[in-house]
N, C-alpha and C. Protein backbone atom coordinates (compact mmCIF):
# COMPACT_ATOMS: atom_id res chain seq x y z
N MET A 1 -21.22 27.67 -3.29
CA MET A 1 -21.56 26.44 -3.97
C MET A 1 -20.45 26.10 -4.96
N VAL A 2 -20.25 24.86 -5.21
CA VAL A 2 -19.23 24.40 -6.15
C VAL A 2 -19.77 24.48 -7.57
N GLN A 3 -18.94 24.95 -8.47
CA GLN A 3 -19.29 24.97 -9.90
C GLN A 3 -18.77 23.68 -10.53
N PHE A 4 -19.45 23.19 -11.54
CA PHE A 4 -19.04 21.97 -12.22
C PHE A 4 -17.61 22.14 -12.74
N GLY A 5 -16.75 21.18 -12.45
CA GLY A 5 -15.37 21.22 -12.90
C GLY A 5 -14.43 21.98 -11.98
N GLU A 6 -14.97 22.60 -10.93
CA GLU A 6 -14.13 23.34 -9.99
C GLU A 6 -13.32 22.37 -9.15
N PRO A 7 -11.99 22.55 -9.07
CA PRO A 7 -11.20 21.64 -8.23
C PRO A 7 -11.50 21.87 -6.75
N VAL A 8 -11.52 20.80 -5.99
CA VAL A 8 -11.81 20.87 -4.56
C VAL A 8 -10.68 20.18 -3.82
N THR A 9 -10.14 20.83 -2.79
CA THR A 9 -9.09 20.25 -1.96
C THR A 9 -9.58 20.20 -0.52
N VAL A 10 -9.52 19.01 0.07
CA VAL A 10 -9.87 18.84 1.48
C VAL A 10 -8.80 17.98 2.13
N GLN A 11 -8.66 18.11 3.45
CA GLN A 11 -7.69 17.30 4.18
C GLN A 11 -8.44 16.32 5.06
N LEU A 12 -8.12 15.04 4.89
CA LEU A 12 -8.74 13.99 5.69
C LEU A 12 -7.80 13.59 6.81
N LYS A 13 -8.36 13.38 8.00
CA LYS A 13 -7.57 12.95 9.15
C LYS A 13 -7.78 11.47 9.37
N TYR A 14 -6.75 10.79 9.84
CA TYR A 14 -6.81 9.34 9.99
C TYR A 14 -6.22 8.94 11.32
N LYS A 15 -6.90 8.03 11.98
CA LYS A 15 -6.43 7.49 13.26
C LYS A 15 -6.47 5.97 13.14
N GLU A 16 -5.34 5.32 13.39
CA GLU A 16 -5.30 3.86 13.26
C GLU A 16 -6.14 3.19 14.34
N LEU A 17 -6.93 2.21 13.93
CA LEU A 17 -7.76 1.45 14.86
C LEU A 17 -7.66 -0.03 14.53
N ALA A 18 -7.68 -0.86 15.56
CA ALA A 18 -7.69 -2.30 15.35
C ALA A 18 -8.99 -2.69 14.66
N GLY A 19 -8.92 -3.71 13.81
CA GLY A 19 -10.12 -4.20 13.15
C GLY A 19 -10.27 -3.73 11.72
N ARG A 20 -9.44 -2.79 11.31
CA ARG A 20 -9.51 -2.32 9.93
C ARG A 20 -8.82 -3.30 9.00
N ASN A 21 -9.21 -3.26 7.74
CA ASN A 21 -8.60 -4.10 6.71
C ASN A 21 -7.20 -3.54 6.43
N PRO A 22 -6.12 -4.26 6.80
CA PRO A 22 -4.77 -3.71 6.69
C PRO A 22 -4.32 -3.43 5.25
N VAL A 23 -4.90 -4.10 4.29
CA VAL A 23 -4.52 -3.89 2.90
C VAL A 23 -5.24 -2.69 2.30
N ARG A 24 -6.53 -2.53 2.62
CA ARG A 24 -7.35 -1.48 2.01
C ARG A 24 -7.52 -0.24 2.87
N GLN A 25 -7.15 -0.31 4.15
CA GLN A 25 -7.40 0.82 5.04
C GLN A 25 -6.13 1.27 5.75
N GLU A 26 -5.03 1.39 5.00
CA GLU A 26 -3.77 1.79 5.60
C GLU A 26 -3.69 3.29 5.87
N GLY A 27 -4.62 4.06 5.34
CA GLY A 27 -4.65 5.50 5.54
C GLY A 27 -5.95 6.06 5.00
N PRO A 28 -6.11 7.40 5.01
CA PRO A 28 -7.33 8.01 4.48
C PRO A 28 -7.52 7.61 3.02
N HIS A 29 -8.75 7.40 2.63
CA HIS A 29 -9.05 6.96 1.27
C HIS A 29 -10.41 7.53 0.88
N ALA A 30 -10.38 8.74 0.36
CA ALA A 30 -11.62 9.37 -0.09
C ALA A 30 -12.03 8.74 -1.41
N HIS A 31 -13.18 8.14 -1.45
CA HIS A 31 -13.61 7.46 -2.67
C HIS A 31 -14.40 8.37 -3.60
N GLU A 32 -15.09 9.34 -3.03
CA GLU A 32 -15.83 10.32 -3.84
C GLU A 32 -16.17 11.51 -2.96
N ALA A 33 -16.63 12.58 -3.57
CA ALA A 33 -17.10 13.77 -2.85
C ALA A 33 -18.43 14.16 -3.48
N VAL A 34 -19.45 14.32 -2.62
CA VAL A 34 -20.81 14.60 -3.11
C VAL A 34 -21.37 15.81 -2.35
N LEU A 35 -21.98 16.72 -3.09
CA LEU A 35 -22.63 17.87 -2.46
C LEU A 35 -23.99 17.47 -1.92
N HIS A 36 -24.27 17.87 -0.68
CA HIS A 36 -25.60 17.66 -0.12
C HIS A 36 -26.57 18.56 -0.89
N PRO A 37 -27.70 18.03 -1.34
CA PRO A 37 -28.59 18.81 -2.21
C PRO A 37 -29.24 20.03 -1.57
N THR A 38 -29.31 20.10 -0.25
CA THR A 38 -29.96 21.26 0.36
C THR A 38 -29.03 22.09 1.25
N THR A 39 -28.03 21.48 1.88
CA THR A 39 -27.18 22.23 2.80
C THR A 39 -25.92 22.78 2.15
N GLY A 40 -25.54 22.23 0.99
CA GLY A 40 -24.31 22.67 0.33
C GLY A 40 -23.05 22.07 0.95
N GLU A 41 -23.21 21.21 1.95
CA GLU A 41 -22.05 20.55 2.53
C GLU A 41 -21.43 19.60 1.52
N LEU A 42 -20.12 19.45 1.60
CA LEU A 42 -19.41 18.48 0.79
C LEU A 42 -19.24 17.23 1.65
N LEU A 43 -19.78 16.11 1.20
CA LEU A 43 -19.74 14.86 1.97
C LEU A 43 -18.75 13.91 1.30
N VAL A 44 -17.80 13.41 2.09
CA VAL A 44 -16.72 12.58 1.56
C VAL A 44 -16.67 11.26 2.33
N PRO A 45 -17.10 10.15 1.72
CA PRO A 45 -16.95 8.85 2.36
C PRO A 45 -15.46 8.51 2.40
N ASP A 46 -14.93 8.31 3.60
CA ASP A 46 -13.51 7.98 3.78
C ASP A 46 -13.40 6.49 4.10
N LEU A 47 -13.14 5.70 3.07
CA LEU A 47 -13.05 4.26 3.20
C LEU A 47 -11.99 3.86 4.22
N GLY A 48 -10.86 4.58 4.28
CA GLY A 48 -9.77 4.23 5.18
C GLY A 48 -10.05 4.51 6.64
N ALA A 49 -10.84 5.53 6.93
CA ALA A 49 -11.11 5.92 8.32
C ALA A 49 -12.49 5.50 8.80
N ASP A 50 -13.25 4.81 7.95
CA ASP A 50 -14.59 4.33 8.33
C ASP A 50 -15.51 5.46 8.77
N LYS A 51 -15.48 6.58 8.04
CA LYS A 51 -16.39 7.67 8.41
C LYS A 51 -16.80 8.47 7.19
N LEU A 52 -17.86 9.22 7.36
CA LEU A 52 -18.32 10.16 6.35
C LEU A 52 -17.90 11.54 6.85
N CYS A 53 -16.99 12.18 6.13
CA CYS A 53 -16.49 13.50 6.52
C CYS A 53 -17.39 14.58 5.93
N ARG A 54 -17.61 15.62 6.72
CA ARG A 54 -18.48 16.71 6.29
C ARG A 54 -17.68 18.01 6.23
N PHE A 55 -17.80 18.74 5.12
CA PHE A 55 -17.07 19.98 4.93
C PHE A 55 -18.05 21.08 4.51
N LYS A 56 -17.76 22.30 4.94
CA LYS A 56 -18.55 23.48 4.59
C LYS A 56 -17.61 24.49 3.94
N LYS A 57 -18.08 25.17 2.91
CA LYS A 57 -17.26 26.17 2.22
C LYS A 57 -17.26 27.47 3.02
N THR A 58 -16.05 28.00 3.29
CA THR A 58 -15.92 29.24 4.05
C THR A 58 -16.12 30.45 3.13
N ASP A 59 -16.19 31.63 3.72
CA ASP A 59 -16.34 32.86 2.94
C ASP A 59 -15.14 33.09 2.02
N SER A 60 -13.97 32.54 2.41
CA SER A 60 -12.77 32.70 1.57
C SER A 60 -12.72 31.68 0.44
N GLY A 61 -13.70 30.77 0.39
CA GLY A 61 -13.76 29.80 -0.70
C GLY A 61 -13.10 28.47 -0.42
N LYS A 62 -12.55 28.30 0.79
CA LYS A 62 -11.91 27.04 1.14
C LYS A 62 -12.92 26.13 1.84
N TRP A 63 -12.69 24.82 1.71
CA TRP A 63 -13.54 23.84 2.38
C TRP A 63 -12.96 23.54 3.74
N GLN A 64 -13.82 23.63 4.77
CA GLN A 64 -13.36 23.44 6.15
C GLN A 64 -14.14 22.32 6.82
N SER A 65 -13.40 21.46 7.49
CA SER A 65 -14.03 20.40 8.28
C SER A 65 -14.65 21.02 9.52
N GLY A 66 -15.54 20.29 10.13
CA GLY A 66 -16.13 20.79 11.37
C GLY A 66 -17.45 21.49 11.15
N SER A 67 -18.04 21.34 9.97
CA SER A 67 -19.34 21.95 9.72
C SER A 67 -20.44 21.22 10.48
N GLY A 68 -20.08 20.16 11.08
CA GLY A 68 -20.99 19.32 11.86
C GLY A 68 -20.18 18.15 12.34
N VAL A 69 -20.81 17.20 12.84
CA VAL A 69 -20.11 16.03 13.32
C VAL A 69 -19.92 15.04 12.17
N ASP A 70 -18.67 14.56 11.98
CA ASP A 70 -18.45 13.50 11.01
C ASP A 70 -19.22 12.28 11.49
N ILE A 71 -19.63 11.44 10.56
CA ILE A 71 -20.38 10.24 10.91
C ILE A 71 -19.43 9.06 10.91
N GLN A 72 -19.21 8.47 12.08
CA GLN A 72 -18.31 7.34 12.23
C GLN A 72 -19.08 6.05 12.05
N TYR A 73 -18.51 5.12 11.28
CA TYR A 73 -19.14 3.82 11.05
C TYR A 73 -18.35 2.71 11.74
N GLU A 74 -18.90 1.52 11.72
CA GLU A 74 -18.27 0.35 12.31
C GLU A 74 -16.84 0.18 11.78
N THR A 75 -15.89 -0.09 12.68
CA THR A 75 -14.50 -0.28 12.28
C THR A 75 -14.39 -1.41 11.26
N GLY A 76 -13.73 -1.12 10.15
CA GLY A 76 -13.56 -2.10 9.09
C GLY A 76 -14.67 -2.10 8.06
N GLY A 77 -15.67 -1.23 8.23
CA GLY A 77 -16.82 -1.21 7.32
C GLY A 77 -16.50 -0.65 5.96
N GLY A 78 -15.68 0.38 5.88
CA GLY A 78 -15.26 0.94 4.61
C GLY A 78 -16.34 1.66 3.83
N PRO A 79 -16.86 2.81 4.30
CA PRO A 79 -17.86 3.54 3.52
C PRO A 79 -17.28 3.96 2.16
N ARG A 80 -18.04 3.76 1.10
CA ARG A 80 -17.51 3.97 -0.24
C ARG A 80 -18.33 4.98 -1.05
N HIS A 81 -19.64 4.90 -1.04
CA HIS A 81 -20.48 5.78 -1.85
C HIS A 81 -21.62 6.34 -1.01
N ILE A 82 -22.08 7.53 -1.39
CA ILE A 82 -23.26 8.12 -0.77
C ILE A 82 -24.18 8.61 -1.89
N LEU A 83 -25.48 8.47 -1.68
CA LEU A 83 -26.44 9.01 -2.62
C LEU A 83 -27.64 9.53 -1.85
N PHE A 84 -28.42 10.36 -2.53
CA PHE A 84 -29.59 10.97 -1.90
C PHE A 84 -30.85 10.57 -2.64
N TYR A 85 -31.89 10.30 -1.87
CA TYR A 85 -33.20 10.02 -2.42
C TYR A 85 -33.92 11.36 -2.42
N SER A 86 -34.11 11.95 -3.59
CA SER A 86 -34.49 13.35 -3.71
C SER A 86 -35.84 13.73 -3.12
N ILE A 87 -36.79 12.82 -3.09
CA ILE A 87 -38.11 13.19 -2.59
C ILE A 87 -38.06 13.57 -1.10
N TYR A 88 -37.31 12.81 -0.31
CA TYR A 88 -37.27 13.03 1.13
C TYR A 88 -35.92 13.55 1.62
N ILE A 89 -34.96 13.75 0.73
CA ILE A 89 -33.60 14.16 1.08
C ILE A 89 -33.02 13.22 2.13
N GLN A 90 -33.23 11.94 1.94
CA GLN A 90 -32.60 10.94 2.80
C GLN A 90 -31.32 10.49 2.12
N SER A 91 -30.30 10.21 2.92
CA SER A 91 -29.06 9.73 2.33
C SER A 91 -28.88 8.24 2.61
N PHE A 92 -28.16 7.60 1.72
CA PHE A 92 -27.83 6.20 1.84
C PHE A 92 -26.33 6.06 1.63
N ILE A 93 -25.68 5.23 2.42
CA ILE A 93 -24.24 5.01 2.27
C ILE A 93 -24.00 3.54 1.96
N LEU A 94 -23.16 3.28 0.98
CA LEU A 94 -22.80 1.91 0.60
C LEU A 94 -21.45 1.60 1.24
N MET A 95 -21.44 0.49 1.99
CA MET A 95 -20.22 0.08 2.69
C MET A 95 -19.53 -1.00 1.87
N SER A 96 -18.20 -1.08 1.97
CA SER A 96 -17.45 -2.10 1.24
C SER A 96 -17.45 -3.45 1.93
N TRP A 97 -17.37 -3.47 3.26
CA TRP A 97 -17.18 -4.74 3.95
C TRP A 97 -18.20 -5.06 5.04
N SER A 98 -19.14 -4.22 5.29
CA SER A 98 -20.13 -4.56 6.32
C SER A 98 -21.54 -4.26 5.83
């Protein structure tokens, strides 16, 4: 689990697709990183790649992609924020352009 104030380094992958906002989506753009309240996954909305990246902490303490399937959104949508509704552990994602 991450401790408050602990630095976190993750690598985001980016693939150019038609339909993206050329000014705001020229490359990966992690807007925030949020811990899932029950799984411990680190969830990173990537505005540039239109997806929610999922990372799991390894035994060596590094964050590794591939803990599950990243969630891909509509091209040009620009996912920006994620939050959880604590009673049901449902997540909500706020998009910039869709």
